[in-house]
């Protein structure tokens, strides 16, 4: 039997990661509570990663508006 050290998913999870160079992350539908402005990565599990390596929970984020041209 041959065993591999490579993850089963390989790079598949990286393919569903979304990156925004300039975005606004909102906590509510009325766009009154801004959680972050600037670059973000939305990971495959729904968590939002900020440039400071902090993570925002999917339950805390209502939506993200992309401001990139």
PDB file of N, CA and C in Angstrom:
ATOM      1  N   UNK A   1       0.844  -1.167   0.000  1.00  0.00           N
ATOM      2  CA  UNK A   1       0.000   0.000   0.000  1.00  0.00           C
ATOM      3  C   UNK A   1       0.894   1.236   0.000  1.00  0.00           C
ATOM      4  N   UNK A   2       0.517   2.214  -0.790  1.00  0.00           N
ATOM      5  CA  UNK A   2       1.266   3.463  -0.888  1.00  0.00           C
ATOM      6  C   UNK A   2       0.498   4.539  -0.141  1.00  0.00           C
ATOM      7  N   UNK A   3       1.163   5.228   0.767  1.00  0.00           N
ATOM      8  CA  UNK A   3       0.567   6.329   1.508  1.00  0.00           C
ATOM      9  C   UNK A   3       1.239   7.619   1.085  1.00  0.00           C
ATOM     10  N   UNK A   4       0.463   8.682   1.045  1.00  0.00           N
ATOM     11  CA  UNK A   4       0.991   9.973   0.634  1.00  0.00           C
ATOM     12  C   UNK A   4       0.925  10.955   1.791  1.00  0.00           C
ATOM     13  N   UNK A   5       1.879  11.867   1.827  1.00  0.00           N
ATOM     14  CA  UNK A   5       1.865  12.943   2.817  1.00  0.00           C
ATOM     15  C   UNK A   5       1.044  14.134   2.346  1.00  0.00           C
ATOM     16  N   UNK A   6       0.631  14.128   1.084  1.00  0.00           N
ATOM     17  CA  UNK A   6      -0.143  15.234   0.541  1.00  0.00           C
ATOM     18  C   UNK A   6      -1.569  15.192   1.081  1.00  0.00           C
ATOM     19  N   UNK A   7      -2.149  16.370   1.367  1.00  0.00           N
ATOM     20  CA  UNK A   7      -3.529  16.402   1.831  1.00  0.00           C
ATOM     21  C   UNK A   7      -4.482  15.829   0.775  1.00  0.00           C
ATOM     22  N   UNK A   8      -5.536  15.233   1.230  1.00  0.00           N
ATOM     23  CA  UNK A   8      -6.509  14.625   0.332  1.00  0.00           C
ATOM     24  C   UNK A   8      -7.102  15.676  -0.610  1.00  0.00           C
ATOM     25  N   UNK A   9      -7.358  16.868  -0.075  1.00  0.00           N
ATOM     26  CA  UNK A   9      -7.989  17.916  -0.866  1.00  0.00           C
ATOM     27  C   UNK A   9      -7.001  18.633  -1.777  1.00  0.00           C
ATOM     28  N   UNK A  10      -5.713  18.486  -1.524  1.00  0.00           N
ATOM     29  CA  UNK A  10      -4.715  19.164  -2.354  1.00  0.00           C
ATOM     30  C   UNK A  10      -4.916  20.668  -2.338  1.00  0.00           C
ATOM     31  N   UNK A  11      -4.916  21.272  -3.499  1.00  0.00           N
ATOM     32  CA  UNK A  11      -5.116  22.712  -3.621  1.00  0.00           C
ATOM     33  C   UNK A  11      -6.572  23.082  -3.864  1.00  0.00           C
ATOM     34  N   UNK A  12      -7.470  22.139  -3.766  1.00  0.00           N
ATOM     35  CA  UNK A  12      -8.881  22.392  -4.063  1.00  0.00           C
ATOM     36  C   UNK A  12      -9.465  23.479  -3.175  1.00  0.00           C
ATOM     37  N   UNK A  13      -9.096  23.515  -1.906  1.00  0.00           N
ATOM     38  CA  UNK A  13      -9.637  24.538  -1.010  1.00  0.00           C
ATOM     39  C   UNK A  13      -9.125  25.921  -1.376  1.00  0.00           C
ATOM     40  N   UNK A  14      -7.900  26.019  -1.862  1.00  0.00           N
ATOM     41  CA  UNK A  14      -7.367  27.317  -2.276  1.00  0.00           C
ATOM     42  C   UNK A  14      -8.108  27.857  -3.490  1.00  0.00           C
ATOM     43  N   UNK A  15      -8.711  26.971  -4.276  1.00  0.00           N
ATOM     44  CA  UNK A  15      -9.440  27.404  -5.461  1.00  0.00           C
ATOM     45  C   UNK A  15     -10.733  28.119  -5.102  1.00  0.00           C
ATOM     46  N   UNK A  16     -11.267  27.902  -3.916  1.00  0.00           N
ATOM     47  CA  UNK A  16     -12.515  28.553  -3.526  1.00  0.00           C
ATOM     48  C   UNK A  16     -12.283  29.754  -2.613  1.00  0.00           C
ATOM     49  N   UNK A  17     -11.042  30.071  -2.320  1.00  0.00           N
ATOM     50  CA  UNK A  17     -10.722  31.259  -1.532  1.00  0.00           C
ATOM     51  C   UNK A  17     -10.914  32.488  -2.407  1.00  0.00           C
ATOM     52  N   UNK A  18     -11.618  33.485  -1.881  1.00  0.00           N
ATOM     53  CA  UNK A  18     -11.825  34.733  -2.613  1.00  0.00           C
ATOM     54  C   UNK A  18     -10.995  35.830  -1.972  1.00  0.00           C
ATOM     55  N   UNK A  19     -10.331  36.614  -2.798  1.00  0.00           N
ATOM     56  CA  UNK A  19      -9.519  37.723  -2.304  1.00  0.00           C
ATOM     57  C   UNK A  19     -10.055  39.029  -2.862  1.00  0.00           C
ATOM     58  N   UNK A  20     -10.110  40.024  -1.996  1.00  0.00           N
ATOM     59  CA  UNK A  20     -10.535  41.365  -2.383  1.00  0.00           C
ATOM     60  C   UNK A  20      -9.453  42.342  -1.971  1.00  0.00           C
ATOM     61  N   UNK A  21      -8.991  43.150  -2.918  1.00  0.00           N
ATOM     62  CA  UNK A  21      -7.942  44.129  -2.621  1.00  0.00           C
ATOM     63  C   UNK A  21      -8.503  45.327  -1.872  1.00  0.00           C
ATOM     64  N   UNK A  22      -9.752  45.676  -2.145  1.00  0.00           N
ATOM     65  CA  UNK A  22     -10.384  46.821  -1.501  1.00  0.00           C
ATOM     66  C   UNK A  22     -11.856  46.490  -1.288  1.00  0.00           C
ATOM     67  N   UNK A  23     -12.227  46.229  -0.058  1.00  0.00           N
ATOM     68  CA  UNK A  23     -13.598  45.824   0.253  1.00  0.00           C
ATOM     69  C   UNK A  23     -14.043  46.429   1.572  1.00  0.00           C
ATOM     70  N   UNK A  24     -15.350  46.388   1.791  1.00  0.00           N
ATOM     71  CA  UNK A  24     -15.932  46.795   3.066  1.00  0.00           C
ATOM     72  C   UNK A  24     -16.698  45.598   3.609  1.00  0.00           C
ATOM     73  N   UNK A  25     -16.416  45.238   4.859  1.00  0.00           N
ATOM     74  CA  UNK A  25     -17.074  44.111   5.509  1.00  0.00           C
ATOM     75  C   UNK A  25     -18.103  44.671   6.492  1.00  0.00           C
ATOM     76  N   UNK A  26     -19.366  44.302   6.282  1.00  0.00           N
ATOM     77  CA  UNK A  26     -20.457  44.813   7.108  1.00  0.00           C
ATOM     78  C   UNK A  26     -20.985  43.735   8.044  1.00  0.00           C
ATOM     79  N   UNK A  27     -21.460  44.184   9.204  1.00  0.00           N
ATOM     80  CA  UNK A  27     -22.048  43.273  10.185  1.00  0.00           C
ATOM     81  C   UNK A  27     -23.567  43.262  10.109  1.00  0.00           C
ATOM     82  N   UNK A  28     -24.149  44.189   9.329  1.00  0.00           N
ATOM     83  CA  UNK A  28     -25.605  44.270   9.264  1.00  0.00           C
ATOM     84  C   UNK A  28     -26.065  44.607   7.847  1.00  0.00           C
ATOM     85  N   UNK A  29     -27.333  44.346   7.578  1.00  0.00           N
ATOM     86  CA  UNK A  29     -27.895  44.575   6.247  1.00  0.00           C
ATOM     87  C   UNK A  29     -28.034  46.059   5.929  1.00  0.00           C
ATOM     88  N   UNK A  30     -28.177  46.885   6.955  1.00  0.00           N
ATOM     89  CA  UNK A  30     -28.361  48.324   6.746  1.00  0.00           C
ATOM     90  C   UNK A  30     -27.045  49.055   6.486  1.00  0.00           C
ATOM     91  N   UNK A  31     -25.953  48.348   6.500  1.00  0.00           N
ATOM     92  CA  UNK A  31     -24.617  48.890   6.254  1.00  0.00           C
ATOM     93  C   UNK A  31     -24.247  50.000   7.229  1.00  0.00           C
ATOM     94  N   UNK A  32     -24.667  49.834   8.471  1.00  0.00           N
ATOM     95  CA  UNK A  32     -24.343  50.811   9.506  1.00  0.00           C
ATOM     96  C   UNK A  32     -23.123  50.397  10.321  1.00  0.00           C
ATOM     97  N   UNK A  33     -22.896  49.096  10.456  1.00  0.00           N
ATOM     98  CA  UNK A  33     -21.783  48.598  11.261  1.00  0.00           C
ATOM     99  C   UNK A  33     -20.707  48.042  10.327  1.00  0.00           C
ATOM    100  N   UNK A  34     -19.596  48.772  10.229  1.00  0.00           N
ATOM    101  CA  UNK A  34     -18.473  48.357   9.389  1.00  0.00           C
ATOM    102  C   UNK A  34     -17.469  47.620  10.262  1.00  0.00           C
ATOM    103  N   UNK A  35     -17.154  46.395   9.880  1.00  0.00           N
ATOM    104  CA  UNK A  35     -16.178  45.603  10.628  1.00  0.00           C
ATOM    105  C   UNK A  35     -14.752  45.820  10.122  1.00  0.00           C
ATOM    106  N   UNK A  36     -14.628  46.094   8.818  1.00  0.00           N
ATOM    107  CA  UNK A  36     -13.286  46.251   8.239  1.00  0.00           C
ATOM    108  C   UNK A  36     -13.395  46.928   6.883  1.00  0.00           C
ATOM    109  N   UNK A  37     -12.383  47.723   6.552  1.00  0.00           N
ATOM    110  CA  UNK A  37     -12.244  48.309   5.223  1.00  0.00           C
ATOM    111  C   UNK A  37     -10.846  48.016   4.731  1.00  0.00           C
ATOM    112  N   UNK A  38     -10.727  47.531   3.515  1.00  0.00           N
ATOM    113  CA  UNK A  38      -9.422  47.223   2.939  1.00  0.00           C
ATOM    114  C   UNK A  38      -9.384  45.816   2.379  1.00  0.00           C
ATOM    115  N   UNK A  39      -8.187  45.267   2.304  1.00  0.00           N
ATOM    116  CA  UNK A  39      -7.992  43.931   1.726  1.00  0.00           C
ATOM    117  C   UNK A  39      -8.519  42.849   2.669  1.00  0.00           C
ATOM    118  N   UNK A  40      -9.131  41.817   2.093  1.00  0.00           N
ATOM    119  CA  UNK A  40      -9.613  40.662   2.860  1.00  0.00           C
ATOM    120  C   UNK A  40      -9.514  39.409   2.006  1.00  0.00           C
ATOM    121  N   UNK A  41      -9.482  38.268   2.680  1.00  0.00           N
ATOM    122  CA  UNK A  41      -9.574  36.952   2.030  1.00  0.00           C
ATOM    123  C   UNK A  41     -10.737  36.213   2.668  1.00  0.00           C
ATOM    124  N   UNK A  42     -11.614  35.674   1.845  1.00  0.00           N
ATOM    125  CA  UNK A  42     -12.707  34.846   2.339  1.00  0.00           C
ATOM    126  C   UNK A  42     -12.273  33.397   2.141  1.00  0.00           C
ATOM    127  N   UNK A  43     -12.067  32.698   3.248  1.00  0.00           N
ATOM    128  CA  UNK A  43     -11.562  31.334   3.206  1.00  0.00           C
ATOM    129  C   UNK A  43     -12.666  30.349   2.831  1.00  0.00           C
ATOM    130  N   UNK A  44     -12.277  29.150   2.492  1.00  0.00           N
ATOM    131  CA  UNK A  44     -13.225  28.125   2.045  1.00  0.00           C
ATOM    132  C   UNK A  44     -14.261  27.797   3.113  1.00  0.00           C
ATOM    133  N   UNK A  45     -13.914  27.964   4.382  1.00  0.00           N
ATOM    134  CA  UNK A  45     -14.848  27.651   5.460  1.00  0.00           C
ATOM    135  C   UNK A  45     -15.739  28.837   5.842  1.00  0.00           C
ATOM    136  N   UNK A  46     -15.618  29.954   5.102  1.00  0.00           N
ATOM    137  CA  UNK A  46     -16.465  31.116   5.352  1.00  0.00           C
ATOM    138  C   UNK A  46     -15.856  32.177   6.235  1.00  0.00           C
ATOM    139  N   UNK A  47     -14.780  31.876   6.916  1.00  0.00           N
ATOM    140  CA  UNK A  47     -14.130  32.856   7.773  1.00  0.00           C
ATOM    141  C   UNK A  47     -13.466  33.914   6.903  1.00  0.00           C
ATOM    142  N   UNK A  48     -13.439  35.149   7.390  1.00  0.00           N
ATOM    143  CA  UNK A  48     -12.836  36.257   6.663  1.00  0.00           C
ATOM    144  C   UNK A  48     -11.512  36.599   7.332  1.00  0.00           C
ATOM    145  N   UNK A  49     -10.434  36.506   6.554  1.00  0.00           N
ATOM    146  CA  UNK A  49      -9.097  36.768   7.081  1.00  0.00           C
ATOM    147  C   UNK A  49      -8.665  38.176   6.711  1.00  0.00           C
ATOM    148  N   UNK A  50      -8.255  38.944   7.721  1.00  0.00           N
ATOM    149  CA  UNK A  50      -7.796  40.308   7.525  1.00  0.00           C
ATOM    150  C   UNK A  50      -6.279  40.330   7.335  1.00  0.00           C
ATOM    151  N   UNK A  51      -5.722  41.408   6.797  1.00  0.00           N
ATOM    152  CA  UNK A  51      -4.272  41.494   6.601  1.00  0.00           C
ATOM    153  C   UNK A  51      -3.471  41.376   7.900  1.00  0.00           C
ATOM    154  N   UNK A  52      -4.101  41.643   9.030  1.00  0.00           N
ATOM    155  CA  UNK A  52      -3.435  41.537  10.333  1.00  0.00           C
ATOM    156  C   UNK A  52      -3.459  40.110  10.869  1.00  0.00           C
ATOM    157  N   UNK A  53      -3.957  39.168  10.041  1.00  0.00           N
ATOM    158  CA  UNK A  53      -4.123  37.756  10.394  1.00  0.00           C
ATOM    159  C   UNK A  53      -5.242  37.510  11.400  1.00  0.00           C
ATOM    160  N   UNK A  54      -6.042  38.513  11.693  1.00  0.00           N
ATOM    161  CA  UNK A  54      -7.237  38.298  12.507  1.00  0.00           C
ATOM    162  C   UNK A  54      -8.300  37.679  11.631  1.00  0.00           C
ATOM    163  N   UNK A  55      -9.182  36.915  12.247  1.00  0.00           N
ATOM    164  CA  UNK A  55     -10.258  36.251  11.529  1.00  0.00           C
ATOM    165  C   UNK A  55     -11.609  36.765  12.008  1.00  0.00           C
ATOM    166  N   UNK A  56     -12.517  36.974  11.063  1.00  0.00           N
ATOM    167  CA  UNK A  56     -13.887  37.341  11.401  1.00  0.00           C
ATOM    168  C   UNK A  56     -14.771  36.124  11.160  1.00  0.00           C
ATOM    169  N   UNK A  57     -15.585  35.800  12.125  1.00  0.00           N
ATOM    170  CA  UNK A  57     -16.474  34.653  12.046  1.00  0.00           C
ATOM    171  C   UNK A  57     -17.543  34.865  10.969  1.00  0.00           C
ATOM    172  N   UNK A  58     -17.908  33.802  10.268  1.00  0.00           N
ATOM    173  CA  UNK A  58     -18.997  33.928   9.285  1.00  0.00           C
ATOM    174  C   UNK A  58     -20.298  34.420   9.917  1.00  0.00           C
ATOM    175  N   UNK A  59     -20.515  34.120  11.183  1.00  0.00           N
ATOM    176  CA  UNK A  59     -21.746  34.571  11.843  1.00  0.00           C
ATOM    177  C   UNK A  59     -21.702  36.061  12.181  1.00  0.00           C
ATOM    178  N   UNK A  60     -20.516  36.674  12.181  1.00  0.00           N
ATOM    179  CA  UNK A  60     -20.387  38.098  12.475  1.00  0.00           C
ATOM    180  C   UNK A  60     -20.515  38.958  11.215  1.00  0.00           C
ATOM    181  N   UNK A  61     -20.265  38.364  10.063  1.00  0.00           N
ATOM    182  CA  UNK A  61     -20.256  39.105   8.797  1.00  0.00           C
ATOM    183  C   UNK A  61     -21.597  38.932   8.083  1.00  0.00           C
ATOM    184  N   UNK A  62     -22.236  40.058   7.772  1.00  0.00           N
ATOM    185  CA  UNK A  62     -23.481  39.988   7.000  1.00  0.00           C
ATOM    186  C   UNK A  62     -23.168  39.922   5.507  1.00  0.00           C
ATOM    187  N   UNK A  63     -22.328  40.852   5.033  1.00  0.00           N
ATOM    188  CA  UNK A  63     -21.937  40.829   3.632  1.00  0.00           C
ATOM    189  C   UNK A  63     -20.666  41.641   3.410  1.00  0.00           C
ATOM    190  N   UNK A  64     -20.090  41.450   2.231  1.00  0.00           N
ATOM    191  CA  UNK A  64     -18.863  42.153   1.842  1.00  0.00           C
ATOM    192  C   UNK A  64     -19.120  42.840   0.515  1.00  0.00           C
ATOM    193  N   UNK A  65     -18.814  44.127   0.460  1.00  0.00           N
ATOM    194  CA  UNK A  65     -18.903  44.886  -0.796  1.00  0.00           C
ATOM    195  C   UNK A  65     -17.506  45.067  -1.344  1.00  0.00           C
ATOM    196  N   UNK A  66     -17.311  44.649  -2.592  1.00  0.00           N
ATOM    197  CA  UNK A  66     -16.039  44.806  -3.270  1.00  0.00           C
ATOM    198  C   UNK A  66     -15.981  46.200  -3.890  1.00  0.00           C
ATOM    199  N   UNK A  67     -14.966  46.978  -3.520  1.00  0.00           N
ATOM    200  CA  UNK A  67     -14.819  48.333  -4.057  1.00  0.00           C
ATOM    201  C   UNK A  67     -13.743  48.402  -5.133  1.00  0.00           C
ATOM    202  N   UNK A  68     -13.184  47.269  -5.506  1.00  0.00           N
ATOM    203  CA  UNK A  68     -12.151  47.251  -6.544  1.00  0.00           C
ATOM    204  C   UNK A  68     -12.754  47.592  -7.897  1.00  0.00           C
ATOM    205  N   UNK A  69     -11.991  48.291  -8.739  1.00  0.00           N
ATOM    206  CA  UNK A  69     -12.530  48.641 -10.077  1.00  0.00           C
ATOM    207  C   UNK A  69     -12.674  47.436 -10.964  1.00  0.00           C
TER     208      UNK A  69
END
